[in-house]
Amino acid sequence: MIAYSSKPRLAPDVRLRFDLAGNRLLLLDARSTLELDAMGADVVRLCTGRHTVRAIIGAITGTQRGRKWEGTAEEVIGRLRRLADAALVLTSPGRRLVPG
């Protein structure tokens, strides 16, 4: 289960890059490339190790007009689970998020 108090961050070998040619945001590691949609990009940009999951949900709820906390929380946690399953996201200090 991903706790609201977790502070997710990208794994050390993971990089966030903007592809100018394709006009898209990519999450890269040694094994794979993941193209991010707008919500995915918002979540990943906030995975710095400084923001809690609760703060990430709050930031996204606040920037996307008409978003409700419950729906946003479910979507953000789902995305974090998928990133954790792919070993792309860690929590402080260096622990993998536990998929729930």
PDB file of N, CA and C in Angstrom:
ATOM      1  N   MET A   1       0.842  -1.185   0.000  1.00  0.00           N
ATOM      2  CA  MET A   1       0.000   0.000   0.000  1.00  0.00           C
ATOM      3  C   MET A   1       0.883   1.243   0.000  1.00  0.00           C
ATOM      4  N   ILE A   2       0.489   2.231  -0.750  1.00  0.00           N
ATOM      5  CA  ILE A   2       1.235   3.484  -0.814  1.00  0.00           C
ATOM      6  C   ILE A   2       0.611   4.445   0.195  1.00  0.00           C
ATOM      7  N   ALA A   3       1.413   4.864   1.145  1.00  0.00           N
ATOM      8  CA  ALA A   3       0.931   5.751   2.203  1.00  0.00           C
ATOM      9  C   ALA A   3       0.913   7.202   1.727  1.00  0.00           C
ATOM     10  N   TYR A   4      -0.043   7.962   2.215  1.00  0.00           N
ATOM     11  CA  TYR A   4      -0.102   9.387   1.890  1.00  0.00           C
ATOM     12  C   TYR A   4       1.151  10.115   2.365  1.00  0.00           C
ATOM     13  N   SER A   5       1.833   9.586   3.387  1.00  0.00           N
ATOM     14  CA  SER A   5       3.026  10.244   3.923  1.00  0.00           C
ATOM     15  C   SER A   5       4.305   9.861   3.176  1.00  0.00           C
ATOM     16  N   SER A   6       4.228   8.889   2.238  1.00  0.00           N
ATOM     17  CA  SER A   6       5.401   8.506   1.443  1.00  0.00           C
ATOM     18  C   SER A   6       5.880   9.696   0.628  1.00  0.00           C
ATOM     19  N   LYS A   7       7.193   9.765   0.417  1.00  0.00           N
ATOM     20  CA  LYS A   7       7.785  10.821  -0.397  1.00  0.00           C
ATOM     21  C   LYS A   7       8.479  10.183  -1.594  1.00  0.00           C
ATOM     22  N   PRO A   8       7.711   9.916  -2.652  1.00  0.00           N
ATOM     23  CA  PRO A   8       8.282   9.226  -3.799  1.00  0.00           C
ATOM     24  C   PRO A   8       9.305  10.066  -4.548  1.00  0.00           C
ATOM     25  N   ARG A   9      10.282   9.351  -5.102  1.00  0.00           N
ATOM     26  CA  ARG A   9      11.276   9.987  -5.966  1.00  0.00           C
ATOM     27  C   ARG A   9      11.661   8.981  -7.034  1.00  0.00           C
ATOM     28  N   LEU A  10      12.210   9.487  -8.105  1.00  0.00           N
ATOM     29  CA  LEU A  10      12.637   8.605  -9.176  1.00  0.00           C
ATOM     30  C   LEU A  10      13.830   7.780  -8.711  1.00  0.00           C
ATOM     31  N   ALA A  11      13.907   6.550  -9.182  1.00  0.00           N
ATOM     32  CA  ALA A  11      15.061   5.700  -8.896  1.00  0.00           C
ATOM     33  C   ALA A  11      16.306   6.374  -9.487  1.00  0.00           C
ATOM     34  N   PRO A  12      17.483   6.093  -8.924  1.00  0.00           N
ATOM     35  CA  PRO A  12      18.706   6.793  -9.365  1.00  0.00           C
ATOM     36  C   PRO A  12      19.011   6.657 -10.853  1.00  0.00           C
ATOM     37  N   ASP A  13      18.638   5.555 -11.470  1.00  0.00           N
ATOM     38  CA  ASP A  13      18.948   5.339 -12.887  1.00  0.00           C
ATOM     39  C   ASP A  13      17.843   5.833 -13.823  1.00  0.00           C
ATOM     40  N   VAL A  14      16.844   6.504 -13.299  1.00  0.00           N
ATOM     41  CA  VAL A  14      15.696   6.960 -14.095  1.00  0.00           C
ATOM     42  C   VAL A  14      15.836   8.452 -14.380  1.00  0.00           C
ATOM     43  N   ARG A  15      15.554   8.832 -15.615  1.00  0.00           N
ATOM     44  CA  ARG A  15      15.643  10.230 -16.037  1.00  0.00           C
ATOM     45  C   ARG A  15      14.355  10.661 -16.719  1.00  0.00           C
ATOM     46  N   LEU A  16      13.995  11.907 -16.504  1.00  0.00           N
ATOM     47  CA  LEU A  16      12.851  12.521 -17.165  1.00  0.00           C
ATOM     48  C   LEU A  16      13.407  13.414 -18.272  1.00  0.00           C
ATOM     49  N   ARG A  17      12.999  13.172 -19.506  1.00  0.00           N
ATOM     50  CA  ARG A  17      13.527  13.915 -20.644  1.00  0.00           C
ATOM     51  C   ARG A  17      12.383  14.353 -21.562  1.00  0.00           C
ATOM     52  N   PHE A  18      12.579  15.539 -22.157  1.00  0.00           N
ATOM     53  CA  PHE A  18      11.624  16.015 -23.155  1.00  0.00           C
ATOM     54  C   PHE A  18      12.197  15.729 -24.531  1.00  0.00           C
ATOM     55  N   ASP A  19      11.429  15.058 -25.364  1.00  0.00           N
ATOM     56  CA  ASP A  19      11.814  14.732 -26.729  1.00  0.00           C
ATOM     57  C   ASP A  19      11.281  15.829 -27.643  1.00  0.00           C
ATOM     58  N   LEU A  20      12.176  16.701 -28.107  1.00  0.00           N
ATOM     59  CA  LEU A  20      11.763  17.820 -28.957  1.00  0.00           C
ATOM     60  C   LEU A  20      11.184  17.339 -30.289  1.00  0.00           C
ATOM     61  N   ALA A  21      11.782  16.320 -30.858  1.00  0.00           N
ATOM     62  CA  ALA A  21      11.328  15.844 -32.159  1.00  0.00           C
ATOM     63  C   ALA A  21       9.893  15.327 -32.089  1.00  0.00           C
ATOM     64  N   GLY A  22       9.576  14.607 -31.020  1.00  0.00           N
ATOM     65  CA  GLY A  22       8.229  14.052 -30.887  1.00  0.00           C
ATOM     66  C   GLY A  22       7.310  14.886 -30.027  1.00  0.00           C
ATOM     67  N   ASN A  23       7.847  15.993 -29.468  1.00  0.00           N
ATOM     68  CA  ASN A  23       7.078  16.871 -28.586  1.00  0.00           C
ATOM     69  C   ASN A  23       6.383  16.066 -27.479  1.00  0.00           C
ATOM     70  N   ARG A  24       7.176  15.267 -26.759  1.00  0.00           N
ATOM     71  CA  ARG A  24       6.623  14.414 -25.704  1.00  0.00           C
ATOM     72  C   ARG A  24       7.613  14.294 -24.548  1.00  0.00           C
ATOM     73  N   LEU A  25       7.071  13.987 -23.383  1.00  0.00           N
ATOM     74  CA  LEU A  25       7.873  13.802 -22.180  1.00  0.00           C
ATOM     75  C   LEU A  25       8.075  12.310 -21.970  1.00  0.00           C
ATOM     76  N   LEU A  26       9.330  11.927 -21.717  1.00  0.00           N
ATOM     77  CA  LEU A  26       9.690  10.518 -21.586  1.00  0.00           C
ATOM     78  C   LEU A  26      10.337  10.242 -20.243  1.00  0.00           C
ATOM     79  N   LEU A  27      10.073   9.074 -19.717  1.00  0.00           N
ATOM     80  CA  LEU A  27      10.729   8.567 -18.522  1.00  0.00           C
ATOM     81  C   LEU A  27      11.646   7.450 -18.994  1.00  0.00           C
ATOM     82  N   LEU A  28      12.949   7.599 -18.755  1.00  0.00           N
ATOM     83  CA  LEU A  28      13.943   6.681 -19.308  1.00  0.00           C
ATOM     84  C   LEU A  28      14.712   5.972 -18.206  1.00  0.00           C
ATOM     85  N   ASP A  29      14.962   4.684 -18.417  1.00  0.00           N
ATOM     86  CA  ASP A  29      15.939   3.960 -17.607  1.00  0.00           C
ATOM     87  C   ASP A  29      16.694   3.035 -18.548  1.00  0.00           C
ATOM     88  N   ALA A  30      17.592   2.227 -18.009  1.00  0.00           N
ATOM     89  CA  ALA A  30      18.445   1.385 -18.850  1.00  0.00           C
ATOM     90  C   ALA A  30      17.651   0.362 -19.651  1.00  0.00           C
ATOM     91  N   ARG A  31      16.471  -0.023 -19.167  1.00  0.00           N
ATOM     92  CA  ARG A  31      15.690  -1.083 -19.807  1.00  0.00           C
ATOM     93  C   ARG A  31      14.558  -0.596 -20.678  1.00  0.00           C
ATOM     94  N   SER A  32      14.064   0.606 -20.433  1.00  0.00           N
ATOM     95  CA  SER A  32      12.832   0.985 -21.118  1.00  0.00           C
ATOM     96  C   SER A  32      12.677   2.494 -21.258  1.00  0.00           C
ATOM     97  N   THR A  33      11.730   2.853 -22.108  1.00  0.00           N
ATOM     98  CA  THR A  33      11.307   4.240 -22.294  1.00  0.00           C
ATOM     99  C   THR A  33       9.799   4.270 -22.145  1.00  0.00           C
ATOM    100  N   LEU A  34       9.309   5.181 -21.316  1.00  0.00           N
ATOM    101  CA  LEU A  34       7.881   5.305 -21.074  1.00  0.00           C
ATOM    102  C   LEU A  34       7.444   6.707 -21.470  1.00  0.00           C
ATOM    103  N   GLU A  35       6.514   6.811 -22.418  1.00  0.00           N
ATOM    104  CA  GLU A  35       5.967   8.104 -22.805  1.00  0.00           C
ATOM    105  C   GLU A  35       4.881   8.480 -21.807  1.00  0.00           C
ATOM    106  N   LEU A  36       4.945   9.713 -21.300  1.00  0.00           N
ATOM    107  CA  LEU A  36       4.009  10.172 -20.274  1.00  0.00           C
ATOM    108  C   LEU A  36       2.922  11.046 -20.882  1.00  0.00           C
ATOM    109  N   ASP A  37       1.689  10.842 -20.419  1.00  0.00           N
ATOM    110  CA  ASP A  37       0.617  11.759 -20.766  1.00  0.00           C
ATOM    111  C   ASP A  37       0.686  12.934 -19.787  1.00  0.00           C
ATOM    112  N   ALA A  38      -0.232  13.871 -19.900  1.00  0.00           N
ATOM    113  CA  ALA A  38      -0.180  15.083 -19.071  1.00  0.00           C
ATOM    114  C   ALA A  38      -0.239  14.767 -17.577  1.00  0.00           C
ATOM    115  N   MET A  39      -1.154  13.881 -17.171  1.00  0.00           N
ATOM    116  CA  MET A  39      -1.269  13.523 -15.753  1.00  0.00           C
ATOM    117  C   MET A  39      -0.010  12.800 -15.284  1.00  0.00           C
ATOM    118  N   GLY A  40       0.489  11.878 -16.080  1.00  0.00           N
ATOM    119  CA  GLY A  40       1.708  11.155 -15.723  1.00  0.00           C
ATOM    120  C   GLY A  40       2.888  12.104 -15.557  1.00  0.00           C
ATOM    121  N   ALA A  41       2.986  13.081 -16.444  1.00  0.00           N
ATOM    122  CA  ALA A  41       4.062  14.073 -16.359  1.00  0.00           C
ATOM    123  C   ALA A  41       3.936  14.888 -15.076  1.00  0.00           C
ATOM    124  N   ASP A  42       2.715  15.283 -14.737  1.00  0.00           N
ATOM    125  CA  ASP A  42       2.504  16.044 -13.499  1.00  0.00           C
ATOM    126  C   ASP A  42       2.936  15.233 -12.280  1.00  0.00           C
ATOM    127  N   VAL A  43       2.569  13.966 -12.251  1.00  0.00           N
ATOM    128  CA  VAL A  43       2.927  13.110 -11.116  1.00  0.00           C
ATOM    129  C   VAL A  43       4.436  12.946 -11.036  1.00  0.00           C
ATOM    130  N   VAL A  44       5.064  12.608 -12.151  1.00  0.00           N
ATOM    131  CA  VAL A  44       6.510  12.338 -12.153  1.00  0.00           C
ATOM    132  C   VAL A  44       7.315  13.586 -11.803  1.00  0.00           C
ATOM    133  N   ARG A  45       6.904  14.740 -12.292  1.00  0.00           N
ATOM    134  CA  ARG A  45       7.623  15.984 -11.965  1.00  0.00           C
ATOM    135  C   ARG A  45       7.649  16.250 -10.453  1.00  0.00           C
ATOM    136  N   LEU A  46       6.626  15.770  -9.755  1.00  0.00           N
ATOM    137  CA  LEU A  46       6.548  15.996  -8.314  1.00  0.00           C
ATOM    138  C   LEU A  46       7.204  14.877  -7.498  1.00  0.00           C
ATOM    139  N   CYS A  47       7.692  13.847  -8.155  1.00  0.00           N
ATOM    140  CA  CYS A  47       8.383  12.746  -7.466  1.00  0.00           C
ATOM    141  C   CYS A  47       9.846  13.116  -7.250  1.00  0.00           C
ATOM    142  N   THR A  48      10.062  14.051  -6.337  1.00  0.00           N
ATOM    143  CA  THR A  48      11.395  14.583  -6.075  1.00  0.00           C
ATOM    144  C   THR A  48      11.971  14.105  -4.745  1.00  0.00           C
ATOM    145  N   GLY A  49      11.150  13.404  -3.955  1.00  0.00           N
ATOM    146  CA  GLY A  49      11.581  13.014  -2.613  1.00  0.00           C
ATOM    147  C   GLY A  49      11.267  14.083  -1.578  1.00  0.00           C
ATOM    148  N   ARG A  50      10.764  15.222  -2.030  1.00  0.00           N
ATOM    149  CA  ARG A  50      10.411  16.309  -1.103  1.00  0.00           C
ATOM    150  C   ARG A  50       8.907  16.401  -0.860  1.00  0.00           C
ATOM    151  N   HIS A  51       8.120  15.893  -1.805  1.00  0.00           N
ATOM    152  CA  HIS A  51       6.665  15.984  -1.713  1.00  0.00           C
ATOM    153  C   HIS A  51       6.073  14.662  -1.249  1.00  0.00           C
ATOM    154  N   THR A  52       5.141  14.736  -0.314  1.00  0.00           N
ATOM    155  CA  THR A  52       4.415  13.526   0.077  1.00  0.00           C
ATOM    156  C   THR A  52       3.388  13.189  -0.999  1.00  0.00           C
ATOM    157  N   VAL A  53       2.898  11.971  -0.949  1.00  0.00           N
ATOM    158  CA  VAL A  53       1.833  11.578  -1.875  1.00  0.00           C
ATOM    159  C   VAL A  53       0.633  12.500  -1.690  1.00  0.00           C
ATOM    160  N   ARG A  54       0.313  12.831  -0.449  1.00  0.00           N
ATOM    161  CA  ARG A  54      -0.801  13.751  -0.167  1.00  0.00           C
ATOM    162  C   ARG A  54      -0.570  15.106  -0.852  1.00  0.00           C
ATOM    163  N   ALA A  55       0.656  15.626  -0.790  1.00  0.00           N
ATOM    164  CA  ALA A  55       0.972  16.922  -1.413  1.00  0.00           C
ATOM    165  C   ALA A  55       0.892  16.828  -2.937  1.00  0.00           C
ATOM    166  N   ILE A  56       1.313  15.708  -3.503  1.00  0.00           N
ATOM    167  CA  ILE A  56       1.233  15.512  -4.955  1.00  0.00           C
ATOM    168  C   ILE A  56      -0.231  15.525  -5.391  1.00  0.00           C
ATOM    169  N   ILE A  57      -1.062  14.807  -4.670  1.00  0.00           N
ATOM    170  CA  ILE A  57      -2.499  14.787  -4.990  1.00  0.00           C
ATOM    171  C   ILE A  57      -3.078  16.192  -4.875  1.00  0.00           C
ATOM    172  N   GLY A  58      -2.728  16.904  -3.812  1.00  0.00           N
ATOM    173  CA  GLY A  58      -3.223  18.263  -3.615  1.00  0.00           C
ATOM    174  C   GLY A  58      -2.786  19.205  -4.718  1.00  0.00           C
ATOM    175  N   ALA A  59      -1.533  19.088  -5.146  1.00  0.00           N
ATOM    176  CA  ALA A  59      -1.023  19.959  -6.211  1.00  0.00           C
ATOM    177  C   ALA A  59      -1.762  19.699  -7.518  1.00  0.00           C
ATOM    178  N   ILE A  60      -1.971  18.444  -7.839  1.00  0.00           N
ATOM    179  CA  ILE A  60      -2.660  18.110  -9.088  1.00  0.00           C
ATOM    180  C   ILE A  60      -4.129  18.508  -9.012  1.00  0.00           C
ATOM    181  N   THR A  61      -4.762  18.297  -7.875  1.00  0.00           N
ATOM    182  CA  THR A  61      -6.161  18.707  -7.705  1.00  0.00           C
ATOM    183  C   THR A  61      -6.282  20.214  -7.878  1.00  0.00           C
ATOM    184  N   GLY A  62      -5.315  20.961  -7.350  1.00  0.00           N
ATOM    185  CA  GLY A  62      -5.352  22.414  -7.422  1.00  0.00           C
ATOM    186  C   GLY A  62      -5.082  22.986  -8.795  1.00  0.00           C
ATOM    187  N   THR A  63      -4.334  22.266  -9.638  1.00  0.00           N
ATOM    188  CA  THR A  63      -3.983  22.809 -10.954  1.00  0.00           C
ATOM    189  C   THR A  63      -4.928  22.370 -12.060  1.00  0.00           C
ATOM    190  N   GLN A  64      -5.718  21.353 -11.821  1.00  0.00           N
ATOM    191  CA  GLN A  64      -6.630  20.867 -12.862  1.00  0.00           C
ATOM    192  C   GLN A  64      -8.065  21.204 -12.476  1.00  0.00           C
ATOM    193  N   ARG A  65      -8.595  22.193 -13.121  1.00  0.00           N
ATOM    194  CA  ARG A  65      -9.934  22.690 -12.815  1.00  0.00           C
ATOM    195  C   ARG A  65     -10.968  21.568 -12.857  1.00  0.00           C
ATOM    196  N   GLY A  66     -11.786  21.544 -11.833  1.00  0.00           N
ATOM    197  CA  GLY A  66     -12.873  20.584 -11.774  1.00  0.00           C
ATOM    198  C   GLY A  66     -12.489  19.218 -11.217  1.00  0.00           C
ATOM    199  N   ARG A  67     -11.209  19.027 -10.874  1.00  0.00           N
ATOM    200  CA  ARG A  67     -10.775  17.733 -10.330  1.00  0.00           C
ATOM    201  C   ARG A  67     -11.224  17.622  -8.881  1.00  0.00           C
ATOM    202  N   LYS A  68     -11.665  16.446  -8.492  1.00  0.00           N
ATOM    203  CA  LYS A  68     -12.045  16.191  -7.102  1.00  0.00           C
ATOM    204  C   LYS A  68     -10.960  15.359  -6.446  1.00  0.00           C
ATOM    205  N   TRP A  69     -10.774  15.581  -5.146  1.00  0.00           N
ATOM    206  CA  TRP A  69      -9.717  14.906  -4.383  1.00  0.00           C
ATOM    207  C   TRP A  69      -9.789  13.385  -4.546  1.00  0.00           C
ATOM    208  N   GLU A  70     -10.957  12.807  -4.364  1.00  0.00           N
ATOM    209  CA  GLU A  70     -11.084  11.346  -4.354  1.00  0.00           C
ATOM    210  C   GLU A  70     -10.649  10.735  -5.685  1.00  0.00           C
ATOM    211  N   GLY A  71     -11.151  11.272  -6.775  1.00  0.00           N
ATOM    212  CA  GLY A  71     -10.786  10.747  -8.087  1.00  0.00           C
ATOM    213  C   GLY A  71      -9.314  10.956  -8.398  1.00  0.00           C
ATOM    214  N   THR A  72      -8.809  12.121  -8.031  1.00  0.00           N
ATOM    215  CA  THR A  72      -7.402  12.420  -8.266  1.00  0.00           C
ATOM    216  C   THR A  72      -6.521  11.509  -7.426  1.00  0.00           C
ATOM    217  N   ALA A  73      -6.886  11.305  -6.155  1.00  0.00           N
ATOM    218  CA  ALA A  73      -6.099  10.436  -5.275  1.00  0.00           C
ATOM    219  C   ALA A  73      -6.019   9.031  -5.848  1.00  0.00           C
ATOM    220  N   GLU A  74      -7.128   8.519  -6.310  1.00  0.00           N
ATOM    221  CA  GLU A  74      -7.164   7.172  -6.875  1.00  0.00           C
ATOM    222  C   GLU A  74      -6.265   7.075  -8.108  1.00  0.00           C
ATOM    223  N   GLU A  75      -6.338   8.082  -8.969  1.00  0.00           N
ATOM    224  CA  GLU A  75      -5.542   8.067 -10.196  1.00  0.00           C
ATOM    225  C   GLU A  75      -4.051   8.227  -9.898  1.00  0.00           C
ATOM    226  N   VAL A  76      -3.690   9.146  -9.012  1.00  0.00           N
ATOM    227  CA  VAL A  76      -2.277   9.359  -8.668  1.00  0.00           C
ATOM    228  C   VAL A  76      -1.695   8.103  -8.024  1.00  0.00           C
ATOM    229  N   ILE A  77      -2.393   7.530  -7.075  1.00  0.00           N
ATOM    230  CA  ILE A  77      -1.882   6.330  -6.404  1.00  0.00           C
ATOM    231  C   ILE A  77      -1.768   5.177  -7.400  1.00  0.00           C
ATOM    232  N   GLY A  78      -2.706   5.056  -8.309  1.00  0.00           N
ATOM    233  CA  GLY A  78      -2.620   4.028  -9.342  1.00  0.00           C
ATOM    234  C   GLY A  78      -1.391   4.202 -10.215  1.00  0.00           C
ATOM    235  N   ARG A  79      -1.118   5.435 -10.588  1.00  0.00           N
ATOM    236  CA  ARG A  79       0.064   5.706 -11.408  1.00  0.00           C
ATOM    237  C   ARG A  79       1.342   5.428 -10.623  1.00  0.00           C
ATOM    238  N   LEU A  80       1.365   5.824  -9.356  1.00  0.00           N
ATOM    239  CA  LEU A  80       2.546   5.544  -8.533  1.00  0.00           C
ATOM    240  C   LEU A  80       2.757   4.042  -8.368  1.00  0.00           C
ATOM    241  N   ARG A  81       1.677   3.285  -8.239  1.00  0.00           N
ATOM    242  CA  ARG A  81       1.798   1.818  -8.146  1.00  0.00           C
ATOM    243  C   ARG A  81       2.422   1.242  -9.407  1.00  0.00           C
ATOM    244  N   ARG A  82       1.960   1.715 -10.556  1.00  0.00           N
ATOM    245  CA  ARG A  82       2.518   1.206 -11.816  1.00  0.00           C
ATOM    246  C   ARG A  82       3.996   1.575 -11.946  1.00  0.00           C
ATOM    247  N   LEU A  83       4.354   2.780 -11.547  1.00  0.00           N
ATOM    248  CA  LEU A  83       5.759   3.184 -11.576  1.00  0.00           C
ATOM    249  C   LEU A  83       6.589   2.356 -10.591  1.00  0.00           C
ATOM    250  N   ALA A  84       5.995   2.055  -9.436  1.00  0.00           N
ATOM    251  CA  ALA A  84       6.684   1.219  -8.449  1.00  0.00           C
ATOM    252  C   ALA A  84       6.852  -0.200  -8.976  1.00  0.00           C
ATOM    253  N   ASP A  85       5.822  -0.733  -9.620  1.00  0.00           N
ATOM    254  CA  ASP A  85       5.899  -2.077 -10.199  1.00  0.00           C
ATOM    255  C   ASP A  85       7.029  -2.167 -11.225  1.00  0.00           C
ATOM    256  N   ALA A  86       7.261  -1.074 -11.936  1.00  0.00           N
ATOM    257  CA  ALA A  86       8.315  -1.030 -12.944  1.00  0.00           C
ATOM    258  C   ALA A  86       9.660  -0.630 -12.342  1.00  0.00           C
ATOM    259  N   ALA A  87       9.722  -0.490 -11.005  1.00  0.00           N
ATOM    260  CA  ALA A  87      10.940  -0.109 -10.277  1.00  0.00           C
ATOM    261  C   ALA A  87      11.485   1.249 -10.733  1.00  0.00           C
ATOM    262  N   LEU A  88      10.592   2.161 -11.093  1.00  0.00           N
ATOM    263  CA  LEU A  88      10.993   3.496 -11.528  1.00  0.00           C
ATOM    264  C   LEU A  88      10.918   4.525 -10.410  1.00  0.00           C
ATOM    265  N   VAL A  89      10.196   4.196  -9.329  1.00  0.00           N
ATOM    266  CA  VAL A  89       9.974   5.132  -8.221  1.00  0.00           C
ATOM    267  C   VAL A  89      10.417   4.499  -6.904  1.00  0.00           C
ATOM    268  N   LEU A  90      11.063   5.296  -6.068  1.00  0.00           N
ATOM    269  CA  LEU A  90      11.501   4.901  -4.728  1.00  0.00           C
ATOM    270  C   LEU A  90      10.875   5.830  -3.698  1.00  0.00           C
ATOM    271  N   THR A  91      10.918   5.408  -2.426  1.00  0.00           N
ATOM    272  CA  THR A  91      10.580   6.317  -1.339  1.00  0.00           C
ATOM    273  C   THR A  91      11.851   6.586  -0.555  1.00  0.00           C
ATOM    274  N   SER A  92      11.833   7.592   0.282  1.00  0.00           N
ATOM    275  CA  SER A  92      12.998   7.921   1.103  1.00  0.00           C
ATOM    276  C   SER A  92      13.119   6.921   2.237  1.00  0.00           C
ATOM    277  N   PRO A  93      14.254   6.480   2.613  1.00  0.00           N
ATOM    278  CA  PRO A  93      15.543   6.623   1.931  1.00  0.00           C
ATOM    279  C   PRO A  93      15.834   5.399   1.086  1.00  0.00           C
ATOM    280  N   GLY A  94      15.569   5.478  -0.188  1.00  0.00           N
ATOM    281  CA  GLY A  94      15.929   4.445  -1.129  1.00  0.00           C
ATOM    282  C   GLY A  94      15.087   3.186  -1.100  1.00  0.00           C
ATOM    283  N   ARG A  95      13.931   3.218  -0.451  1.00  0.00           N
ATOM    284  CA  ARG A  95      13.077   2.030  -0.417  1.00  0.00           C
ATOM    285  C   ARG A  95      12.082   2.091  -1.556  1.00  0.00           C
ATOM    286  N   ARG A  96      11.846   0.964  -2.149  1.00  0.00           N
ATOM    287  CA  ARG A  96      10.860   0.879  -3.222  1.00  0.00           C
ATOM    288  C   ARG A  96       9.468   1.065  -2.628  1.00  0.00           C
ATOM    289  N   LEU A  97       8.588   1.728  -3.365  1.00  0.00           N
ATOM    290  CA  LEU A  97       7.191   1.795  -2.949  1.00  0.00           C
ATOM    291  C   LEU A  97       6.638   0.376  -2.975  1.00  0.00           C
ATOM    292  N   VAL A  98       5.828   0.037  -2.028  1.00  0.00           N
ATOM    293  CA  VAL A  98       5.239  -1.293  -1.973  1.00  0.00           C
ATOM    294  C   VAL A  98       3.942  -1.270  -2.745  1.00  0.00           C
ATOM    295  N   PRO A  99       3.886  -1.980  -3.888  1.00  0.00           N
ATOM    296  CA  PRO A  99       2.633  -1.990  -4.640  1.00  0.00           C
ATOM    297  C   PRO A  99       1.513  -2.598  -3.799  1.00  0.00           C
ATOM    298  N   GLY A 100       0.319  -2.050  -3.910  1.00  0.00           N
ATOM    299  CA  GLY A 100      -0.770  -2.521  -3.086  1.00  0.00           C
ATOM    300  C   GLY A 100      -1.873  -3.184  -3.788  1.00  0.00           C
TER     301      GLY A 100
END
